[in-house]
Amino acid sequence: MTAYPARCPARNLNGRMCDKPAGQGTSHRGYGTCIWHRGGHRHVEEAWAMAQEIAAERDITPHEALLGLVRTASARAAWTDLIISQQLREHVADGGDPLKPPQELVPWLRQSREERKLAATTAKQAVDAGVMAALERRLDLEGELVASVLGGVLDALNLDHEQRVTALSTAQQLLLEAGSQAAA
């Protein structure tokens, strides 16, 4: 199984998955949405070009590269906001008015706005490029694979109904715990 499906991750108006190859009619063949699902828009083409360049440098997939760009942009926005909150806290601790930030904070406020815009733009490019749909599809395929393997193992063990239900309940509980630990 490949890391990402090789067909367009978008859905048609009827709700079915697009049957076109990923990136068909675009410069990013094999990745993202086809020309019919916004894959040919300039900002999507630019996002994939940047992702493929980063992917080649870091030996990762273009999908991972785009998600990395989103994480980096979001982290920069958060870091800028941390600087602002620290300086504002110091300003208030020194007796300053919290509604009137010091003049040296104005460039940081401007930078925060710019970082947030960049993070939003990068995230939009990743979504438009089909990264989230492709990841969703990949997770669905991996879930189906896990369920299929688990079912096969339980079939091979010839468990009675009660034992099978207990085994499936235990597997479900362990997967939920692993998922909550990964999210934390």
N, C-alpha and C. Protein backbone atom coordinates (compact mmCIF):
# COMPACT_ATOMS: atom_id res chain seq x y z
N MET A 1 0.84 -1.18 0.00
CA MET A 1 0.00 0.00 0.00
C MET A 1 0.88 1.24 0.00
N THR A 2 0.59 2.19 -0.87
CA THR A 2 1.36 3.41 -0.92
C THR A 2 0.96 4.31 0.24
N ALA A 3 1.81 5.28 0.57
CA ALA A 3 1.53 6.17 1.69
C ALA A 3 0.29 7.01 1.42
N TYR A 4 0.04 7.37 0.19
CA TYR A 4 -1.12 8.20 -0.15
C TYR A 4 -1.77 7.63 -1.40
N PRO A 5 -3.09 7.74 -1.47
CA PRO A 5 -3.77 7.21 -2.65
C PRO A 5 -3.34 7.94 -3.91
N ALA A 6 -3.33 7.23 -5.02
CA ALA A 6 -2.87 7.82 -6.26
C ALA A 6 -4.02 8.37 -7.09
N ARG A 7 -5.17 8.66 -6.43
CA ARG A 7 -6.25 9.29 -7.18
C ARG A 7 -6.66 10.57 -6.46
N CYS A 8 -7.34 11.42 -7.19
CA CYS A 8 -7.78 12.71 -6.66
C CYS A 8 -8.57 12.48 -5.36
N PRO A 9 -8.20 13.18 -4.28
CA PRO A 9 -8.87 12.95 -3.00
C PRO A 9 -10.21 13.68 -2.85
N ALA A 10 -10.60 14.46 -3.84
CA ALA A 10 -11.84 15.24 -3.74
C ALA A 10 -13.06 14.36 -3.98
N ARG A 11 -14.19 14.89 -3.57
CA ARG A 11 -15.47 14.21 -3.80
C ARG A 11 -16.24 14.97 -4.88
N ASN A 12 -16.96 14.22 -5.70
CA ASN A 12 -17.81 14.82 -6.72
C ASN A 12 -19.09 15.33 -6.08
N LEU A 13 -19.91 16.01 -6.87
CA LEU A 13 -21.16 16.55 -6.36
C LEU A 13 -22.09 15.46 -5.83
N ASN A 14 -21.95 14.25 -6.33
CA ASN A 14 -22.79 13.15 -5.86
C ASN A 14 -22.25 12.52 -4.58
N GLY A 15 -21.14 13.03 -4.06
CA GLY A 15 -20.56 12.53 -2.81
C GLY A 15 -19.57 11.40 -2.98
N ARG A 16 -19.43 10.90 -4.20
CA ARG A 16 -18.47 9.83 -4.45
C ARG A 16 -17.08 10.40 -4.65
N MET A 17 -16.08 9.54 -4.38
CA MET A 17 -14.70 9.95 -4.60
C MET A 17 -14.47 10.18 -6.09
N CYS A 18 -13.67 11.19 -6.40
CA CYS A 18 -13.31 11.47 -7.79
C CYS A 18 -12.57 10.26 -8.36
N ASP A 19 -12.84 9.94 -9.60
CA ASP A 19 -12.17 8.79 -10.20
C ASP A 19 -10.95 9.16 -11.04
N LYS A 20 -10.60 10.44 -11.05
CA LYS A 20 -9.44 10.91 -11.81
C LYS A 20 -8.15 10.63 -11.01
N PRO A 21 -7.04 10.44 -11.73
CA PRO A 21 -5.76 10.29 -11.02
C PRO A 21 -5.41 11.58 -10.25
N ALA A 22 -4.68 11.43 -9.17
CA ALA A 22 -4.26 12.59 -8.38
C ALA A 22 -3.48 13.55 -9.25
N GLY A 23 -3.83 14.81 -9.18
CA GLY A 23 -3.11 15.85 -9.92
C GLY A 23 -3.28 15.81 -11.43
N GLN A 24 -4.26 15.07 -11.94
CA GLN A 24 -4.43 14.98 -13.40
C GLN A 24 -4.65 16.37 -13.99
N GLY A 25 -3.92 16.66 -15.06
CA GLY A 25 -4.05 17.94 -15.75
C GLY A 25 -3.31 19.08 -15.07
N THR A 26 -2.49 18.77 -14.07
CA THR A 26 -1.75 19.80 -13.34
C THR A 26 -0.25 19.51 -13.43
N SER A 27 0.55 20.39 -12.86
CA SER A 27 1.99 20.16 -12.82
C SER A 27 2.40 19.27 -11.65
N HIS A 28 1.45 18.89 -10.80
CA HIS A 28 1.76 18.06 -9.64
C HIS A 28 1.10 16.69 -9.76
N ARG A 29 1.33 16.05 -10.90
CA ARG A 29 0.78 14.72 -11.16
C ARG A 29 1.13 13.75 -10.04
N GLY A 30 0.13 12.99 -9.63
CA GLY A 30 0.35 12.00 -8.57
C GLY A 30 0.07 12.53 -7.19
N TYR A 31 -0.17 13.83 -7.06
CA TYR A 31 -0.41 14.43 -5.75
C TYR A 31 -1.58 15.40 -5.83
N GLY A 32 -2.39 15.40 -4.79
CA GLY A 32 -3.43 16.41 -4.65
C GLY A 32 -4.58 16.25 -5.62
N THR A 33 -5.34 17.31 -5.72
CA THR A 33 -6.57 17.29 -6.51
C THR A 33 -6.28 17.46 -7.99
N CYS A 34 -7.22 16.93 -8.79
CA CYS A 34 -7.10 17.03 -10.24
C CYS A 34 -7.50 18.43 -10.71
N ILE A 35 -7.36 18.66 -11.98
CA ILE A 35 -7.67 19.97 -12.57
C ILE A 35 -9.13 20.34 -12.32
N TRP A 36 -10.02 19.35 -12.28
CA TRP A 36 -11.46 19.61 -12.10
C TRP A 36 -11.81 19.98 -10.67
N HIS A 37 -10.93 19.68 -9.72
CA HIS A 37 -11.18 19.99 -8.31
C HIS A 37 -10.16 21.00 -7.77
N ARG A 38 -9.96 22.07 -8.50
CA ARG A 38 -9.11 23.20 -8.12
C ARG A 38 -7.62 22.90 -8.10
N GLY A 39 -7.21 21.76 -8.60
CA GLY A 39 -5.80 21.42 -8.60
C GLY A 39 -4.94 22.29 -9.49
N GLY A 40 -5.57 22.96 -10.47
CA GLY A 40 -4.83 23.80 -11.40
C GLY A 40 -4.76 25.26 -11.00
N HIS A 41 -5.39 25.64 -9.88
CA HIS A 41 -5.31 27.03 -9.45
C HIS A 41 -3.86 27.41 -9.14
N ARG A 42 -3.52 28.63 -9.43
CA ARG A 42 -2.13 29.08 -9.29
C ARG A 42 -1.58 28.82 -7.88
N HIS A 43 -2.35 29.17 -6.84
CA HIS A 43 -1.82 28.98 -5.49
C HIS A 43 -1.67 27.51 -5.12
N VAL A 44 -2.50 26.64 -5.70
CA VAL A 44 -2.35 25.20 -5.46
C VAL A 44 -1.10 24.69 -6.17
N GLU A 45 -0.90 25.12 -7.40
CA GLU A 45 0.31 24.74 -8.14
C GLU A 45 1.57 25.19 -7.40
N GLU A 46 1.54 26.44 -6.89
CA GLU A 46 2.69 26.96 -6.15
C GLU A 46 2.94 26.16 -4.88
N ALA A 47 1.86 25.82 -4.18
CA ALA A 47 2.00 25.04 -2.94
C ALA A 47 2.64 23.69 -3.22
N TRP A 48 2.18 23.02 -4.28
CA TRP A 48 2.75 21.71 -4.60
C TRP A 48 4.19 21.82 -5.07
N ALA A 49 4.50 22.87 -5.82
CA ALA A 49 5.89 23.04 -6.26
C ALA A 49 6.81 23.20 -5.05
N MET A 50 6.38 24.03 -4.10
CA MET A 50 7.18 24.24 -2.89
C MET A 50 7.26 22.94 -2.08
N ALA A 51 6.14 22.23 -1.98
CA ALA A 51 6.11 20.98 -1.22
C ALA A 51 7.03 19.93 -1.83
N GLN A 52 7.05 19.84 -3.16
CA GLN A 52 7.90 18.85 -3.80
C GLN A 52 9.38 19.19 -3.62
N GLU A 53 9.69 20.48 -3.64
CA GLU A 53 11.08 20.89 -3.41
C GLU A 53 11.51 20.53 -1.99
N ILE A 54 10.68 20.85 -1.02
CA ILE A 54 11.00 20.55 0.39
C ILE A 54 11.05 19.04 0.60
N ALA A 55 10.11 18.32 -0.01
CA ALA A 55 10.07 16.86 0.13
C ALA A 55 11.36 16.22 -0.38
N ALA A 56 11.86 16.70 -1.49
CA ALA A 56 13.10 16.15 -2.04
C ALA A 56 14.29 16.44 -1.13
N GLU A 57 14.32 17.65 -0.55
CA GLU A 57 15.42 18.01 0.36
C GLU A 57 15.41 17.18 1.63
N ARG A 58 14.22 16.91 2.17
CA ARG A 58 14.10 16.27 3.49
C ARG A 58 13.75 14.79 3.43
N ASP A 59 13.59 14.26 2.23
CA ASP A 59 13.23 12.85 2.04
C ASP A 59 11.92 12.52 2.76
N ILE A 60 10.90 13.34 2.49
CA ILE A 60 9.56 13.12 3.02
C ILE A 60 8.58 13.23 1.85
N THR A 61 7.32 12.94 2.10
CA THR A 61 6.33 13.08 1.03
C THR A 61 5.94 14.55 0.88
N PRO A 62 5.48 14.93 -0.29
CA PRO A 62 5.00 16.31 -0.46
C PRO A 62 3.85 16.66 0.49
N HIS A 63 3.00 15.67 0.83
CA HIS A 63 1.93 15.92 1.79
C HIS A 63 2.51 16.31 3.15
N GLU A 64 3.53 15.56 3.58
CA GLU A 64 4.18 15.87 4.87
C GLU A 64 4.86 17.23 4.81
N ALA A 65 5.41 17.58 3.66
CA ALA A 65 6.06 18.88 3.50
C ALA A 65 5.04 20.01 3.65
N LEU A 66 3.89 19.87 3.01
CA LEU A 66 2.85 20.92 3.13
C LEU A 66 2.36 21.04 4.57
N LEU A 67 2.14 19.91 5.22
CA LEU A 67 1.72 19.97 6.62
C LEU A 67 2.80 20.59 7.50
N GLY A 68 4.05 20.32 7.18
CA GLY A 68 5.16 20.95 7.91
C GLY A 68 5.16 22.46 7.76
N LEU A 69 4.85 22.93 6.55
CA LEU A 69 4.77 24.38 6.32
C LEU A 69 3.65 25.00 7.16
N VAL A 70 2.53 24.30 7.25
CA VAL A 70 1.41 24.79 8.06
C VAL A 70 1.82 24.85 9.53
N ARG A 71 2.46 23.78 10.00
CA ARG A 71 2.91 23.75 11.41
C ARG A 71 3.92 24.87 11.70
N THR A 72 4.86 25.07 10.77
CA THR A 72 5.87 26.11 10.97
C THR A 72 5.23 27.49 11.02
N ALA A 73 4.32 27.77 10.11
CA ALA A 73 3.65 29.08 10.09
C ALA A 73 2.84 29.28 11.36
N SER A 74 2.16 28.24 11.82
CA SER A 74 1.38 28.34 13.05
C SER A 74 2.29 28.54 14.26
N ALA A 75 3.41 27.85 14.28
CA ALA A 75 4.35 27.98 15.39
C ALA A 75 4.94 29.39 15.45
N ARG A 76 5.24 29.96 14.28
CA ARG A 76 5.77 31.33 14.25
C ARG A 76 4.74 32.32 14.79
N ALA A 77 3.48 32.12 14.45
CA ALA A 77 2.42 33.00 14.97
C ALA A 77 2.32 32.86 16.48
N ALA A 78 2.38 31.63 16.96
CA ALA A 78 2.30 31.39 18.41
C ALA A 78 3.50 32.00 19.13
N TRP A 79 4.69 31.87 18.55
CA TRP A 79 5.89 32.44 19.17
C TRP A 79 5.79 33.96 19.26
N THR A 80 5.32 34.58 18.19
CA THR A 80 5.15 36.04 18.18
C THR A 80 4.15 36.46 19.26
N ASP A 81 3.07 35.72 19.39
CA ASP A 81 2.08 36.03 20.42
C ASP A 81 2.64 35.85 21.82
N LEU A 82 3.52 34.88 21.99
CA LEU A 82 4.18 34.67 23.29
C LEU A 82 5.05 35.88 23.66
N ILE A 83 5.80 36.38 22.70
CA ILE A 83 6.62 37.58 22.92
C ILE A 83 5.73 38.74 23.34
N ILE A 84 4.63 38.92 22.64
CA ILE A 84 3.70 40.02 22.94
C ILE A 84 3.15 39.87 24.36
N SER A 85 2.69 38.67 24.70
CA SER A 85 2.10 38.50 26.04
C SER A 85 3.14 38.71 27.14
N GLN A 86 4.38 38.26 26.92
CA GLN A 86 5.43 38.47 27.92
C GLN A 86 5.72 39.96 28.10
N GLN A 87 5.85 40.68 26.99
CA GLN A 87 6.14 42.11 27.08
C GLN A 87 4.96 42.88 27.68
N LEU A 88 3.76 42.49 27.35
CA LEU A 88 2.58 43.15 27.90
C LEU A 88 2.46 42.87 29.40
N ARG A 89 2.78 41.65 29.82
CA ARG A 89 2.77 41.31 31.25
C ARG A 89 3.77 42.17 32.01
N GLU A 90 4.97 42.32 31.44
CA GLU A 90 5.99 43.16 32.08
C GLU A 90 5.53 44.62 32.13
N HIS A 91 4.90 45.07 31.07
CA HIS A 91 4.39 46.44 31.00
C HIS A 91 3.36 46.69 32.12
N VAL A 92 2.45 45.74 32.30
CA VAL A 92 1.42 45.87 33.34
C VAL A 92 2.05 45.75 34.73
N ALA A 93 3.02 44.85 34.88
CA ALA A 93 3.69 44.69 36.18
C ALA A 93 4.44 45.96 36.58
N ASP A 94 4.90 46.72 35.60
CA ASP A 94 5.60 47.98 35.87
C ASP A 94 4.63 49.15 36.03
N GLY A 95 3.33 48.84 36.09
CA GLY A 95 2.33 49.89 36.30
C GLY A 95 1.72 50.44 35.03
N GLY A 96 2.00 49.85 33.90
CA GLY A 96 1.46 50.34 32.63
C GLY A 96 0.01 49.95 32.43
N ASP A 97 -0.66 50.67 31.57
CA ASP A 97 -2.06 50.42 31.24
C ASP A 97 -2.12 49.26 30.23
N PRO A 98 -2.86 48.17 30.57
CA PRO A 98 -2.93 47.02 29.66
C PRO A 98 -3.63 47.34 28.34
N LEU A 99 -4.44 48.40 28.32
CA LEU A 99 -5.14 48.77 27.10
C LEU A 99 -4.30 49.69 26.20
N LYS A 100 -3.17 50.14 26.71
CA LYS A 100 -2.25 50.98 25.93
C LYS A 100 -0.88 50.33 25.94
N PRO A 101 -0.62 49.47 24.94
CA PRO A 101 0.67 48.78 24.91
C PRO A 101 1.81 49.78 24.68
N PRO A 102 2.99 49.44 25.18
CA PRO A 102 4.14 50.33 24.96
C PRO A 102 4.48 50.40 23.47
N GLN A 103 5.12 51.47 23.08
CA GLN A 103 5.44 51.71 21.67
C GLN A 103 6.31 50.60 21.06
N GLU A 104 7.22 50.04 21.86
CA GLU A 104 8.10 48.99 21.33
C GLU A 104 7.33 47.69 21.02
N LEU A 105 6.08 47.60 21.46
CA LEU A 105 5.27 46.42 21.19
C LEU A 105 4.53 46.52 19.85
N VAL A 106 4.41 47.71 19.31
CA VAL A 106 3.67 47.92 18.06
C VAL A 106 4.24 47.08 16.90
N PRO A 107 5.56 47.01 16.69
CA PRO A 107 6.07 46.15 15.60
C PRO A 107 5.73 44.67 15.82
N TRP A 108 5.73 44.24 17.07
CA TRP A 108 5.39 42.86 17.37
C TRP A 108 3.91 42.58 17.08
N LEU A 109 3.05 43.55 17.36
CA LEU A 109 1.63 43.39 17.05
C LEU A 109 1.43 43.28 15.54
N ARG A 110 2.15 44.11 14.80
CA ARG A 110 2.10 44.06 13.34
C ARG A 110 2.61 42.70 12.84
N GLN A 111 3.72 42.26 13.43
CA GLN A 111 4.30 40.96 13.05
C GLN A 111 3.33 39.82 13.35
N SER A 112 2.64 39.90 14.48
CA SER A 112 1.67 38.88 14.84
C SER A 112 0.57 38.79 13.79
N ARG A 113 0.08 39.93 13.36
CA ARG A 113 -0.96 39.97 12.32
C ARG A 113 -0.45 39.32 11.04
N GLU A 114 0.78 39.64 10.66
CA GLU A 114 1.37 39.08 9.44
C GLU A 114 1.56 37.57 9.55
N GLU A 115 2.03 37.11 10.71
CA GLU A 115 2.25 35.68 10.91
C GLU A 115 0.93 34.91 10.86
N ARG A 116 -0.12 35.50 11.42
CA ARG A 116 -1.43 34.84 11.38
C ARG A 116 -1.96 34.77 9.95
N LYS A 117 -1.75 35.85 9.20
CA LYS A 117 -2.18 35.83 7.79
C LYS A 117 -1.42 34.76 7.01
N LEU A 118 -0.11 34.67 7.25
CA LEU A 118 0.70 33.66 6.56
C LEU A 118 0.25 32.25 6.95
N ALA A 119 -0.01 32.04 8.23
CA ALA A 119 -0.47 30.71 8.68
C ALA A 119 -1.80 30.35 8.03
N ALA A 120 -2.72 31.31 7.97
CA ALA A 120 -4.02 31.05 7.36
C ALA A 120 -3.88 30.77 5.86
N THR A 121 -3.04 31.54 5.20
CA THR A 121 -2.82 31.35 3.76
C THR A 121 -2.20 29.98 3.49
N THR A 122 -1.21 29.61 4.29
CA THR A 122 -0.54 28.32 4.12
C THR A 122 -1.52 27.17 4.36
N ALA A 123 -2.34 27.31 5.40
CA ALA A 123 -3.33 26.27 5.69
C ALA A 123 -4.34 26.16 4.54
N LYS A 124 -4.76 27.29 4.02
CA LYS A 124 -5.71 27.30 2.90
C LYS A 124 -5.09 26.62 1.68
N GLN A 125 -3.82 26.91 1.41
CA GLN A 125 -3.15 26.27 0.28
C GLN A 125 -3.10 24.75 0.47
N ALA A 126 -2.81 24.32 1.69
CA ALA A 126 -2.75 22.88 1.96
C ALA A 126 -4.11 22.24 1.77
N VAL A 127 -5.15 22.90 2.25
CA VAL A 127 -6.51 22.35 2.09
C VAL A 127 -6.89 22.33 0.61
N ASP A 128 -6.65 23.44 -0.08
CA ASP A 128 -6.98 23.50 -1.50
C ASP A 128 -6.17 22.49 -2.31
N ALA A 129 -4.97 22.20 -1.87
CA ALA A 129 -4.13 21.23 -2.58
C ALA A 129 -4.59 19.80 -2.34
N GLY A 130 -5.54 19.62 -1.44
CA GLY A 130 -6.10 18.30 -1.20
C GLY A 130 -5.39 17.50 -0.13
N VAL A 131 -4.53 18.13 0.64
CA VAL A 131 -3.76 17.40 1.65
C VAL A 131 -4.67 16.79 2.70
N MET A 132 -5.62 17.54 3.20
CA MET A 132 -6.47 17.03 4.27
C MET A 132 -7.35 15.88 3.75
N ALA A 133 -7.87 16.03 2.56
CA ALA A 133 -8.70 14.97 1.99
C ALA A 133 -7.86 13.71 1.77
N ALA A 134 -6.63 13.88 1.31
CA ALA A 134 -5.76 12.73 1.09
C ALA A 134 -5.40 12.06 2.41
N LEU A 135 -5.14 12.86 3.44
CA LEU A 135 -4.83 12.28 4.75
C LEU A 135 -6.04 11.56 5.34
N GLU A 136 -7.21 12.15 5.16
CA GLU A 136 -8.43 11.51 5.64
C GLU A 136 -8.62 10.16 4.94
N ARG A 137 -8.41 10.15 3.65
CA ARG A 137 -8.54 8.91 2.88
C ARG A 137 -7.51 7.89 3.33
N ARG A 138 -6.28 8.34 3.56
CA ARG A 138 -5.23 7.43 4.01
C ARG A 138 -5.58 6.82 5.36
N LEU A 139 -6.08 7.66 6.28
CA LEU A 139 -6.47 7.15 7.60
C LEU A 139 -7.61 6.14 7.49
N ASP A 140 -8.55 6.41 6.60
CA ASP A 140 -9.64 5.45 6.37
C ASP A 140 -9.08 4.12 5.88
N LEU A 141 -8.16 4.18 4.92
CA LEU A 141 -7.57 2.96 4.38
C LEU A 141 -6.78 2.20 5.45
N GLU A 142 -6.05 2.95 6.29
CA GLU A 142 -5.28 2.30 7.35
C GLU A 142 -6.21 1.67 8.38
N GLY A 143 -7.31 2.36 8.69
CA GLY A 143 -8.30 1.80 9.62
C GLY A 143 -8.92 0.53 9.09
N GLU A 144 -9.25 0.53 7.80
CA GLU A 144 -9.81 -0.67 7.17
C GLU A 144 -8.80 -1.81 7.21
N LEU A 145 -7.52 -1.48 7.00
CA LEU A 145 -6.48 -2.50 7.03
C LEU A 145 -6.35 -3.10 8.43
N VAL A 146 -6.34 -2.26 9.46
CA VAL A 146 -6.25 -2.74 10.84
C VAL A 146 -7.45 -3.63 11.16
N ALA A 147 -8.65 -3.19 10.78
CA ALA A 147 -9.86 -3.98 11.05
C ALA A 147 -9.80 -5.32 10.32
N SER A 148 -9.34 -5.31 9.09
CA SER A 148 -9.25 -6.54 8.31
C SER A 148 -8.25 -7.53 8.94
N VAL A 149 -7.09 -7.01 9.34
CA VAL A 149 -6.07 -7.88 9.95
C VAL A 149 -6.57 -8.43 11.28
N LEU A 150 -7.17 -7.56 12.08
CA LEU A 150 -7.69 -8.00 13.38
C LEU A 150 -8.77 -9.06 13.20
N GLY A 151 -9.67 -8.84 12.24
CA GLY A 151 -10.71 -9.83 11.97
C GLY A 151 -10.11 -11.15 11.52
N GLY A 152 -9.08 -11.08 10.68
CA GLY A 152 -8.41 -12.31 10.23
C GLY A 152 -7.75 -13.06 11.36
N VAL A 153 -7.12 -12.34 12.26
CA VAL A 153 -6.47 -12.97 13.42
C VAL A 153 -7.51 -13.65 14.30
N LEU A 154 -8.61 -12.94 14.56
CA LEU A 154 -9.66 -13.52 15.40
C LEU A 154 -10.30 -14.74 14.73
N ASP A 155 -10.45 -14.69 13.41
CA ASP A 155 -10.98 -15.86 12.69
C ASP A 155 -10.04 -17.05 12.82
N ALA A 156 -8.74 -16.79 12.71
CA ALA A 156 -7.75 -17.86 12.79
C ALA A 156 -7.70 -18.50 14.18
N LEU A 157 -8.08 -17.74 15.20
CA LEU A 157 -8.05 -18.27 16.56
C LEU A 157 -9.29 -19.11 16.89
N ASN A 158 -10.29 -19.08 16.01
CA ASN A 158 -11.53 -19.85 16.22
C ASN A 158 -12.14 -19.58 17.59
N LEU A 159 -12.27 -18.31 17.94
CA LEU A 159 -12.86 -17.94 19.23
C LEU A 159 -14.37 -18.08 19.16
N ASP A 160 -14.96 -18.38 20.33
CA ASP A 160 -16.42 -18.38 20.36
C ASP A 160 -16.90 -16.93 20.39
N HIS A 161 -18.19 -16.73 20.27
CA HIS A 161 -18.75 -15.37 20.15
C HIS A 161 -18.35 -14.47 21.32
N GLU A 162 -18.47 -15.00 22.53
CA GLU A 162 -18.17 -14.19 23.72
C GLU A 162 -16.68 -13.79 23.76
N GLN A 163 -15.80 -14.73 23.44
CA GLN A 163 -14.37 -14.42 23.42
C GLN A 163 -14.04 -13.39 22.33
N ARG A 164 -14.69 -13.54 21.19
CA ARG A 164 -14.47 -12.61 20.08
C ARG A 164 -14.90 -11.19 20.47
N VAL A 165 -16.06 -11.07 21.10
CA VAL A 165 -16.56 -9.77 21.55
C VAL A 165 -15.60 -9.17 22.58
N THR A 166 -15.11 -9.98 23.50
CA THR A 166 -14.16 -9.51 24.51
C THR A 166 -12.88 -9.02 23.84
N ALA A 167 -12.38 -9.77 22.87
CA ALA A 167 -11.15 -9.39 22.16
C ALA A 167 -11.35 -8.08 21.39
N LEU A 168 -12.48 -7.95 20.71
CA LEU A 168 -12.75 -6.71 19.96
C LEU A 168 -12.92 -5.52 20.90
N SER A 169 -13.57 -5.72 22.02
CA SER A 169 -13.74 -4.64 23.01
C SER A 169 -12.39 -4.19 23.55
N THR A 170 -11.52 -5.16 23.83
CA THR A 170 -10.18 -4.84 24.32
C THR A 170 -9.39 -4.08 23.26
N ALA A 171 -9.46 -4.54 22.02
CA ALA A 171 -8.76 -3.84 20.93
C ALA A 171 -9.28 -2.42 20.77
N GLN A 172 -10.60 -2.25 20.83
CA GLN A 172 -11.19 -0.92 20.72
C GLN A 172 -10.70 -0.02 21.85
N GLN A 173 -10.69 -0.51 23.08
CA GLN A 173 -10.25 0.27 24.22
C GLN A 173 -8.78 0.68 24.08
N LEU A 174 -7.94 -0.26 23.65
CA LEU A 174 -6.52 0.04 23.47
C LEU A 174 -6.30 1.07 22.37
N LEU A 175 -7.06 0.97 21.28
CA LEU A 175 -6.94 1.96 20.20
C LEU A 175 -7.39 3.34 20.66
N LEU A 176 -8.47 3.39 21.43
CA LEU A 176 -8.94 4.68 21.96
C LEU A 176 -7.91 5.31 22.90
N GLU A 177 -7.32 4.48 23.76
CA GLU A 177 -6.29 4.98 24.68
C GLU A 177 -5.06 5.47 23.91
N ALA A 178 -4.65 4.72 22.91
CA ALA A 178 -3.49 5.13 22.09
C ALA A 178 -3.79 6.42 21.37
N GLY A 179 -5.02 6.57 20.87
CA GLY A 179 -5.40 7.78 20.18
C GLY A 179 -5.42 8.99 21.10
N SER A 180 -5.89 8.82 22.32
CA SER A 180 -5.93 9.95 23.25
C SER A 180 -4.53 10.31 23.73
N GLN A 181 -3.64 9.33 23.84
CA GLN A 181 -2.25 9.61 24.22
C GLN A 181 -1.53 10.34 23.09
N ALA A 182 -1.83 9.95 21.86
CA ALA A 182 -1.19 10.60 20.70
C ALA A 182 -1.66 12.04 20.56
N ALA A 183 -2.92 12.30 20.92
CA ALA A 183 -3.46 13.66 20.81
C ALA A 183 -2.91 14.57 21.91
N ALA A 184 -2.51 13.99 23.01
CA ALA A 184 -2.01 14.79 24.15
C ALA A 184 -0.60 15.28 23.95
